[in-house]
PDB file of N, CA and C in Angstrom:
ATOM      1  N   MET A   1     -21.366  16.217  -4.797  1.00  0.00           N
ATOM      2  CA  MET A   1     -19.643  16.341  -4.967  1.00  0.00           C
ATOM      3  C   MET A   1     -18.645  15.736  -4.233  1.00  0.00           C
ATOM      4  N   THR A   2     -17.915  15.444  -4.490  1.00  0.00           N
ATOM      5  CA  THR A   2     -16.897  15.158  -3.692  1.00  0.00           C
ATOM      6  C   THR A   2     -15.726  15.753  -4.213  1.00  0.00           C
ATOM      7  N   ILE A   3     -15.181  15.773  -2.880  1.00  0.00           N
ATOM      8  CA  ILE A   3     -13.727  17.439  -3.059  1.00  0.00           C
ATOM      9  C   ILE A   3     -12.861  16.268  -3.269  1.00  0.00           C
ATOM     10  N   GLN A   4     -12.236  16.571  -3.666  1.00  0.00           N
ATOM     11  CA  GLN A   4     -10.947  15.969  -4.982  1.00  0.00           C
ATOM     12  C   GLN A   4      -9.462  16.284  -3.683  1.00  0.00           C
ATOM     13  N   ALA A   5      -9.408  17.342  -3.769  1.00  0.00           N
ATOM     14  CA  ALA A   5      -8.422  17.145  -3.009  1.00  0.00           C
ATOM     15  C   ALA A   5      -8.333  19.210  -2.167  1.00  0.00           C
ATOM     16  N   VAL A   6      -7.246  19.663  -1.737  1.00  0.00           N
ATOM     17  CA  VAL A   6      -7.292  20.945  -1.016  1.00  0.00           C
ATOM     18  C   VAL A   6      -6.705  21.916  -2.158  1.00  0.00           C
ATOM     19  N   GLY A   7      -6.793  23.420  -2.230  1.00  0.00           N
ATOM     20  CA  GLY A   7      -6.349  24.377  -3.194  1.00  0.00           C
ATOM     21  C   GLY A   7      -4.822  25.036  -1.616  1.00  0.00           C
ATOM     22  N   ALA A   8      -4.011  25.503  -2.649  1.00  0.00           N
ATOM     23  CA  ALA A   8      -2.658  26.388  -1.524  1.00  0.00           C
ATOM     24  C   ALA A   8      -3.254  27.522  -0.594  1.00  0.00           C
ATOM     25  N   LYS A   9      -4.319  27.813  -1.067  1.00  0.00           N
ATOM     26  CA  LYS A   9      -5.196  28.325   0.079  1.00  0.00           C
ATOM     27  C   LYS A   9      -5.917  27.592   1.506  1.00  0.00           C
ATOM     28  N   GLY A  10      -6.181  26.513   1.185  1.00  0.00           N
ATOM     29  CA  GLY A  10      -7.251  26.219   1.732  1.00  0.00           C
ATOM     30  C   GLY A  10      -8.263  25.447   1.446  1.00  0.00           C
ATOM     31  N   ASP A  11      -8.751  25.795   0.596  1.00  0.00           N
ATOM     32  CA  ASP A  11     -10.323  26.034   0.452  1.00  0.00           C
ATOM     33  C   ASP A  11     -10.388  24.716  -0.930  1.00  0.00           C
ATOM     34  N   GLY A  12     -11.703  23.799  -0.730  1.00  0.00           N
ATOM     35  CA  GLY A  12     -11.671  22.472  -1.290  1.00  0.00           C
ATOM     36  C   GLY A  12     -11.956  22.944  -2.923  1.00  0.00           C
ATOM     37  N   ILE A  13     -11.173  21.658  -3.555  1.00  0.00           N
ATOM     38  CA  ILE A  13     -11.574  22.169  -4.827  1.00  0.00           C
ATOM     39  C   ILE A  13     -12.111  20.643  -5.765  1.00  0.00           C
ATOM     40  N   ALA A  14     -13.752  20.856  -6.533  1.00  0.00           N
ATOM     41  CA  ALA A  14     -14.085  19.871  -6.955  1.00  0.00           C
ATOM     42  C   ALA A  14     -14.335  20.226  -8.220  1.00  0.00           C
ATOM     43  N   LYS A  15     -14.717  18.888  -9.046  1.00  0.00           N
ATOM     44  CA  LYS A  15     -14.364  19.166 -10.330  1.00  0.00           C
ATOM     45  C   LYS A  15     -15.964  18.497 -11.254  1.00  0.00           C
ATOM     46  N   LYS A  16     -16.616  19.252 -12.057  1.00  0.00           N
ATOM     47  CA  LYS A  16     -17.716  18.752 -12.750  1.00  0.00           C
ATOM     48  C   LYS A  16     -18.157  18.573 -14.561  1.00  0.00           C
ATOM     49  N   ASP A  17     -17.502  17.609 -14.535  1.00  0.00           N
ATOM     50  CA  ASP A  17     -17.284  17.836 -16.005  1.00  0.00           C
ATOM     51  C   ASP A  17     -15.839  18.452 -16.412  1.00  0.00           C
ATOM     52  N   GLY A  18     -14.849  18.451 -15.615  1.00  0.00           N
ATOM     53  CA  GLY A  18     -14.011  19.000 -16.250  1.00  0.00           C
ATOM     54  C   GLY A  18     -13.411  20.228 -15.775  1.00  0.00           C
ATOM     55  N   PHE A  19     -14.349  21.410 -15.445  1.00  0.00           N
ATOM     56  CA  PHE A  19     -15.046  22.247 -13.971  1.00  0.00           C
ATOM     57  C   PHE A  19     -14.577  22.498 -12.612  1.00  0.00           C
ATOM     58  N   VAL A  20     -12.864  23.446 -12.584  1.00  0.00           N
ATOM     59  CA  VAL A  20     -12.901  23.032 -11.942  1.00  0.00           C
ATOM     60  C   VAL A  20     -13.896  24.203 -10.785  1.00  0.00           C
ATOM     61  N   ILE A  21     -14.072  23.732  -9.084  1.00  0.00           N
ATOM     62  CA  ILE A  21     -14.877  24.742  -8.551  1.00  0.00           C
ATOM     63  C   ILE A  21     -13.892  24.777  -7.435  1.00  0.00           C
ATOM     64  N   PHE A  22     -14.029  25.840  -6.448  1.00  0.00           N
ATOM     65  CA  PHE A  22     -12.923  25.598  -5.191  1.00  0.00           C
ATOM     66  C   PHE A  22     -14.910  26.191  -4.323  1.00  0.00           C
ATOM     67  N   VAL A  23     -14.320  24.892  -3.350  1.00  0.00           N
ATOM     68  CA  VAL A  23     -15.317  25.395  -1.941  1.00  0.00           C
ATOM     69  C   VAL A  23     -14.422  25.467  -1.023  1.00  0.00           C
ATOM     70  N   PRO A  24     -14.645  26.443   0.115  1.00  0.00           N
ATOM     71  CA  PRO A  24     -14.005  27.253   1.328  1.00  0.00           C
ATOM     72  C   PRO A  24     -14.597  26.031   2.550  1.00  0.00           C
ATOM     73  N   LYS A  25     -13.742  25.864   3.391  1.00  0.00           N
ATOM     74  CA  LYS A  25     -14.382  24.908   4.307  1.00  0.00           C
ATOM     75  C   LYS A  25     -14.493  23.534   4.285  1.00  0.00           C
ATOM     76  N   THR A  26     -14.049  22.952   3.227  1.00  0.00           N
ATOM     77  CA  THR A  26     -13.857  21.468   3.092  1.00  0.00           C
ATOM     78  C   THR A  26     -12.965  20.920   3.502  1.00  0.00           C
ATOM     79  N   LYS A  27     -12.361  19.758   3.179  1.00  0.00           N
ATOM     80  CA  LYS A  27     -11.794  18.508   3.435  1.00  0.00           C
ATOM     81  C   LYS A  27     -11.949  17.862   1.830  1.00  0.00           C
ATOM     82  N   ALA A  28     -10.429  17.055   1.726  1.00  0.00           N
ATOM     83  CA  ALA A  28     -10.334  16.338   0.534  1.00  0.00           C
ATOM     84  C   ALA A  28     -11.301  14.827   1.210  1.00  0.00           C
ATOM     85  N   GLY A  29     -11.703  14.701   0.306  1.00  0.00           N
ATOM     86  CA  GLY A  29     -12.494  13.257   0.267  1.00  0.00           C
ATOM     87  C   GLY A  29     -13.702  13.645   1.374  1.00  0.00           C
ATOM     88  N   GLU A  30     -14.454  14.801   1.103  1.00  0.00           N
ATOM     89  CA  GLU A  30     -15.315  15.154   1.922  1.00  0.00           C
ATOM     90  C   GLU A  30     -16.789  15.089   0.941  1.00  0.00           C
ATOM     91  N   LYS A  31     -17.742  14.573   1.096  1.00  0.00           N
ATOM     92  CA  LYS A  31     -18.769  14.460  -0.205  1.00  0.00           C
ATOM     93  C   LYS A  31     -19.812  15.658   0.563  1.00  0.00           C
ATOM     94  N   VAL A  32     -19.960  17.016  -0.157  1.00  0.00           N
ATOM     95  CA  VAL A  32     -20.597  18.110  -0.260  1.00  0.00           C
ATOM     96  C   VAL A  32     -22.028  17.695  -1.625  1.00  0.00           C
ATOM     97  N   ARG A  33     -22.799  18.724  -0.835  1.00  0.00           N
ATOM     98  CA  ARG A  33     -23.888  19.701  -1.891  1.00  0.00           C
ATOM     99  C   ARG A  33     -23.686  20.938  -1.755  1.00  0.00           C
ATOM    100  N   ILE A  34     -23.284  20.996  -3.468  1.00  0.00           N
ATOM    101  CA  ILE A  34     -22.783  22.173  -2.982  1.00  0.00           C
ATOM    102  C   ILE A  34     -23.357  23.747  -4.055  1.00  0.00           C
ATOM    103  N   LYS A  35     -23.591  24.955  -3.813  1.00  0.00           N
ATOM    104  CA  LYS A  35     -24.548  26.020  -4.293  1.00  0.00           C
ATOM    105  C   LYS A  35     -23.234  27.130  -5.025  1.00  0.00           C
ATOM    106  N   VAL A  36     -23.240  26.907  -6.231  1.00  0.00           N
ATOM    107  CA  VAL A  36     -22.710  27.399  -7.092  1.00  0.00           C
ATOM    108  C   VAL A  36     -22.819  28.985  -7.200  1.00  0.00           C
ATOM    109  N   THR A  37     -21.766  29.831  -6.304  1.00  0.00           N
ATOM    110  CA  THR A  37     -21.921  31.267  -6.281  1.00  0.00           C
ATOM    111  C   THR A  37     -21.102  32.372  -7.168  1.00  0.00           C
ATOM    112  N   LYS A  38     -20.126  31.912  -7.820  1.00  0.00           N
ATOM    113  CA  LYS A  38     -19.755  32.732  -8.839  1.00  0.00           C
ATOM    114  C   LYS A  38     -19.129  32.150 -10.376  1.00  0.00           C
ATOM    115  N   VAL A  39     -19.135  32.727 -11.463  1.00  0.00           N
ATOM    116  CA  VAL A  39     -17.919  31.712 -12.733  1.00  0.00           C
ATOM    117  C   VAL A  39     -17.750  32.447 -13.416  1.00  0.00           C
ATOM    118  N   LEU A  40     -16.148  31.785 -13.564  1.00  0.00           N
ATOM    119  CA  LEU A  40     -15.345  32.843 -14.547  1.00  0.00           C
ATOM    120  C   LEU A  40     -15.402  31.916 -15.626  1.00  0.00           C
ATOM    121  N   SER A  41     -14.057  32.599 -16.586  1.00  0.00           N
ATOM    122  CA  SER A  41     -14.159  31.294 -17.491  1.00  0.00           C
ATOM    123  C   SER A  41     -13.937  30.295 -17.548  1.00  0.00           C
ATOM    124  N   LYS A  42     -12.557  29.794 -16.352  1.00  0.00           N
ATOM    125  CA  LYS A  42     -12.044  28.640 -16.526  1.00  0.00           C
ATOM    126  C   LYS A  42     -12.211  28.130 -14.960  1.00  0.00           C
ATOM    127  N   VAL A  43     -12.944  28.710 -13.943  1.00  0.00           N
ATOM    128  CA  VAL A  43     -13.449  28.355 -12.697  1.00  0.00           C
ATOM    129  C   VAL A  43     -14.320  28.694 -11.921  1.00  0.00           C
ATOM    130  N   GLY A  44     -14.606  28.255 -10.753  1.00  0.00           N
ATOM    131  CA  GLY A  44     -15.524  28.635 -10.682  1.00  0.00           C
ATOM    132  C   GLY A  44     -16.147  28.696  -8.623  1.00  0.00           C
ATOM    133  N   PHE A  45     -16.837  29.269  -7.955  1.00  0.00           N
ATOM    134  CA  PHE A  45     -16.797  29.187  -6.592  1.00  0.00           C
ATOM    135  C   PHE A  45     -17.928  28.426  -6.245  1.00  0.00           C
ATOM    136  N   GLY A  46     -17.990  27.953  -5.161  1.00  0.00           N
ATOM    137  CA  GLY A  46     -19.602  27.358  -4.166  1.00  0.00           C
ATOM    138  C   GLY A  46     -19.080  27.729  -2.814  1.00  0.00           C
ATOM    139  N   GLU A  47     -20.186  27.335  -2.327  1.00  0.00           N
ATOM    140  CA  GLU A  47     -20.322  27.406  -0.838  1.00  0.00           C
ATOM    141  C   GLU A  47     -21.627  25.879  -0.069  1.00  0.00           C
ATOM    142  N   VAL A  48     -20.528  25.619   0.906  1.00  0.00           N
ATOM    143  CA  VAL A  48     -21.216  24.096   0.953  1.00  0.00           C
ATOM    144  C   VAL A  48     -22.918  24.596   1.286  1.00  0.00           C
ATOM    145  N   VAL A  49     -23.758  23.545   0.905  1.00  0.00           N
ATOM    146  CA  VAL A  49     -25.486  23.776   0.984  1.00  0.00           C
ATOM    147  C   VAL A  49     -26.072  22.552   2.168  1.00  0.00           C
ATOM    148  N   GLY A  50     -25.132  21.878   1.992  1.00  0.00           N
ATOM    149  CA  GLY A  50     -26.048  20.297   2.915  1.00  0.00           C
ATOM    150  C   GLY A  50     -25.064  19.436   2.528  1.00  0.00           C
ATOM    151  N   GLY A  51     -25.963  18.056   2.501  1.00  0.00           N
ATOM    152  CA  GLY A  51     -25.223  16.851   2.955  1.00  0.00           C
ATOM    153  C   GLY A  51     -24.184  16.480   2.919  1.00  0.00           C
ATOM    154  N   SER A  52     -23.325  16.919   4.428  1.00  0.00           N
ATOM    155  CA  SER A  52     -21.513  17.140   3.303  1.00  0.00           C
ATOM    156  C   SER A  52     -21.651  15.913   4.952  1.00  0.00           C
ATOM    157  N   LYS A  53     -20.533  14.937   4.204  1.00  0.00           N
ATOM    158  CA  LYS A  53     -20.871  13.607   4.547  1.00  0.00           C
ATOM    159  C   LYS A  53     -19.039  13.931   4.672  1.00  0.00           C
ATOM    160  N   ALA A  54     -18.021  13.705   5.836  1.00  0.00           N
ATOM    161  CA  ALA A  54     -17.077  13.211   6.157  1.00  0.00           C
ATOM    162  C   ALA A  54     -16.162  13.078   5.712  1.00  0.00           C
ATOM    163  N   ALA A  55     -14.902  13.469   5.581  1.00  0.00           N
ATOM    164  CA  ALA A  55     -13.700  13.059   4.522  1.00  0.00           C
ATOM    165  C   ALA A  55     -13.429  11.852   5.864  1.00  0.00           C
ATOM    166  N   PRO A  56     -12.819  10.775   4.967  1.00  0.00           N
ATOM    167  CA  PRO A  56     -11.791   9.985   5.352  1.00  0.00           C
ATOM    168  C   PRO A  56     -10.769  10.367   6.297  1.00  0.00           C
ATOM    169  N   ALA A  57     -10.970   9.006   7.631  1.00  0.00           N
ATOM    170  CA  ALA A  57     -10.016  10.768   9.156  1.00  0.00           C
ATOM    171  C   ALA A  57      -8.172   9.731   8.789  1.00  0.00           C
ATOM    172  N   GLU A  58      -8.131  11.389   9.249  1.00  0.00           N
ATOM    173  CA  GLU A  58      -6.043  10.729   8.417  1.00  0.00           C
ATOM    174  C   GLU A  58      -5.680   9.952   9.285  1.00  0.00           C
ATOM    175  N   LYS A  59      -4.603   9.198   8.689  1.00  0.00           N
ATOM    176  CA  LYS A  59      -3.962   8.414   9.562  1.00  0.00           C
ATOM    177  C   LYS A  59      -3.409   9.005  11.130  1.00  0.00           C
ATOM    178  N   PRO A  60      -3.484   8.526  12.416  1.00  0.00           N
ATOM    179  CA  PRO A  60      -2.317   8.563  13.395  1.00  0.00           C
ATOM    180  C   PRO A  60      -1.022   9.139  12.998  1.00  0.00           C
ATOM    181  N   LYS A  61      -0.641  10.266  13.266  1.00  0.00           N
ATOM    182  CA  LYS A  61       1.044  10.665  13.290  1.00  0.00           C
ATOM    183  C   LYS A  61       1.779   9.630  13.857  1.00  0.00           C
ATOM    184  N   GLU A  62       3.234   9.057  13.598  1.00  0.00           N
ATOM    185  CA  GLU A  62       3.923   8.123  14.644  1.00  0.00           C
ATOM    186  C   GLU A  62       4.860   9.399  15.494  1.00  0.00           C
ATOM    187  N   ALA A  63       4.432   8.349  16.927  1.00  0.00           N
ATOM    188  CA  ALA A  63       5.211   8.786  17.695  1.00  0.00           C
ATOM    189  C   ALA A  63       6.771   9.207  17.586  1.00  0.00           C
ATOM    190  N   ALA A  64       7.588  10.437  18.079  1.00  0.00           N
ATOM    191  CA  ALA A  64       8.386  10.586  18.168  1.00  0.00           C
ATOM    192  C   ALA A  64       9.999   9.411  18.931  1.00  0.00           C
ATOM    193  N   PRO A  65      10.979   8.781  18.239  1.00  0.00           N
ATOM    194  CA  PRO A  65      11.524   7.968  19.258  1.00  0.00           C
ATOM    195  C   PRO A  65      11.744   8.320  20.573  1.00  0.00           C
ATOM    196  N   GLU A  66      11.859   7.049  21.658  1.00  0.00           N
ATOM    197  CA  GLU A  66      12.351   7.071  22.522  1.00  0.00           C
ATOM    198  C   GLU A  66      13.730   8.055  22.945  1.00  0.00           C
ATOM    199  N   GLU A  67      13.753   8.727  23.511  1.00  0.00           N
ATOM    200  CA  GLU A  67      15.335   9.021  24.285  1.00  0.00           C
ATOM    201  C   GLU A  67      16.327   8.060  24.508  1.00  0.00           C
ATOM    202  N   GLU A  68      15.698   7.115  24.698  1.00  0.00           N
ATOM    203  CA  GLU A  68      17.702   5.759  24.087  1.00  0.00           C
ATOM    204  C   GLU A  68      17.404   6.243  23.426  1.00  0.00           C
ATOM    205  N   TYR A  69      16.950   6.222  22.052  1.00  0.00           N
ATOM    206  CA  TYR A  69      17.581   6.256  20.783  1.00  0.00           C
ATOM    207  C   TYR A  69      18.691   6.686  20.487  1.00  0.00           C
ATOM    208  N   PHE A  70      18.588   8.427  21.195  1.00  0.00           N
ATOM    209  CA  PHE A  70      19.676   8.800  20.913  1.00  0.00           C
ATOM    210  C   PHE A  70      20.675   9.208  21.852  1.00  0.00           C
ATOM    211  N   GLU A  71      20.734   8.074  23.080  1.00  0.00           N
ATOM    212  CA  GLU A  71      21.352   8.275  24.114  1.00  0.00           C
ATOM    213  C   GLU A  71      22.573   7.950  23.352  1.00  0.00           C
ATOM    214  N   GLY A  72      23.357   6.553  22.493  1.00  0.00           N
ATOM    215  CA  GLY A  72      24.069   6.577  22.034  1.00  0.00           C
ATOM    216  C   GLY A  72      24.785   7.444  20.701  1.00  0.00           C
ATOM    217  N   HIS A  73      24.130   8.426  20.399  1.00  0.00           N
ATOM    218  CA  HIS A  73      24.944   9.590  19.323  1.00  0.00           C
ATOM    219  C   HIS A  73      25.138  10.606  19.802  1.00  0.00           C
ATOM    220  N   GLU A  74      26.765  11.096  19.909  1.00  0.00           N
ATOM    221  CA  GLU A  74      27.247  12.037  20.050  1.00  0.00           C
ATOM    222  C   GLU A  74      26.884  12.912  19.295  1.00  0.00           C
ATOM    223  N   ASP A  75      26.881  14.459  20.093  1.00  0.00           N
ATOM    224  CA  ASP A  75      26.452  15.994  18.576  1.00  0.00           C
ATOM    225  C   ASP A  75      28.066  16.320  18.008  1.00  0.00           C
ATOM    226  N   SER A  76      27.880  16.688  16.252  1.00  0.00           N
ATOM    227  CA  SER A  76      28.775  16.371  15.961  1.00  0.00           C
ATOM    228  C   SER A  76      28.816  18.004  15.626  1.00  0.00           C
ATOM    229  N   GLU A  77      29.737  18.729  16.879  1.00  0.00           N
ATOM    230  CA  GLU A  77      29.971  19.796  16.098  1.00  0.00           C
ATOM    231  C   GLU A  77      30.754  20.192  15.503  1.00  0.00           C
ATOM    232  N   ASP A  78      31.607  19.358  14.883  1.00  0.00           N
ATOM    233  CA  ASP A  78      32.780  19.526  13.616  1.00  0.00           C
ATOM    234  C   ASP A  78      31.963  18.908  12.211  1.00  0.00           C
ATOM    235  N   PHE A  79      30.832  19.090  12.423  1.00  0.00           N
ATOM    236  CA  PHE A  79      29.869  18.769  11.232  1.00  0.00           C
ATOM    237  C   PHE A  79      30.397  19.735   9.984  1.00  0.00           C
ATOM    238  N   GLY A  80      31.369  18.888   8.508  1.00  0.00           N
ATOM    239  CA  GLY A  80      31.517  19.353   7.826  1.00  0.00           C
ATOM    240  C   GLY A  80      33.204  19.516   7.837  1.00  0.00           C
ATOM    241  N   GLU A  81      33.494  19.530   8.959  1.00  0.00           N
ATOM    242  CA  GLU A  81      35.021  20.250   9.099  1.00  0.00           C
ATOM    243  C   GLU A  81      35.982  19.131   8.448  1.00  0.00           C
ATOM    244  N   GLN A  82      36.663  19.041   7.377  1.00  0.00           N
ATOM    245  CA  GLN A  82      38.193  17.931   7.733  1.00  0.00           C
ATOM    246  C   GLN A  82      39.141  18.587   7.040  1.00  0.00           C
TER     247      GLN A  82
END
């Protein structure tokens, strides 16, 4: 099963035939084998039991601009005053 997204609490979200399953300790894009541990009327909860394949690597973050970039800019303490 492929984890399609990550919820607000950090659990992976997968869907099977339109049924949403929350799987803790997973990342979006990860392929896992799960065991459903709890079923409610609209969602279920599961745990990884094997077959985990890593999610695609995240893109490296851009480095901050060098100090030279800021040298020509002055602070504007009076911002918004006119």
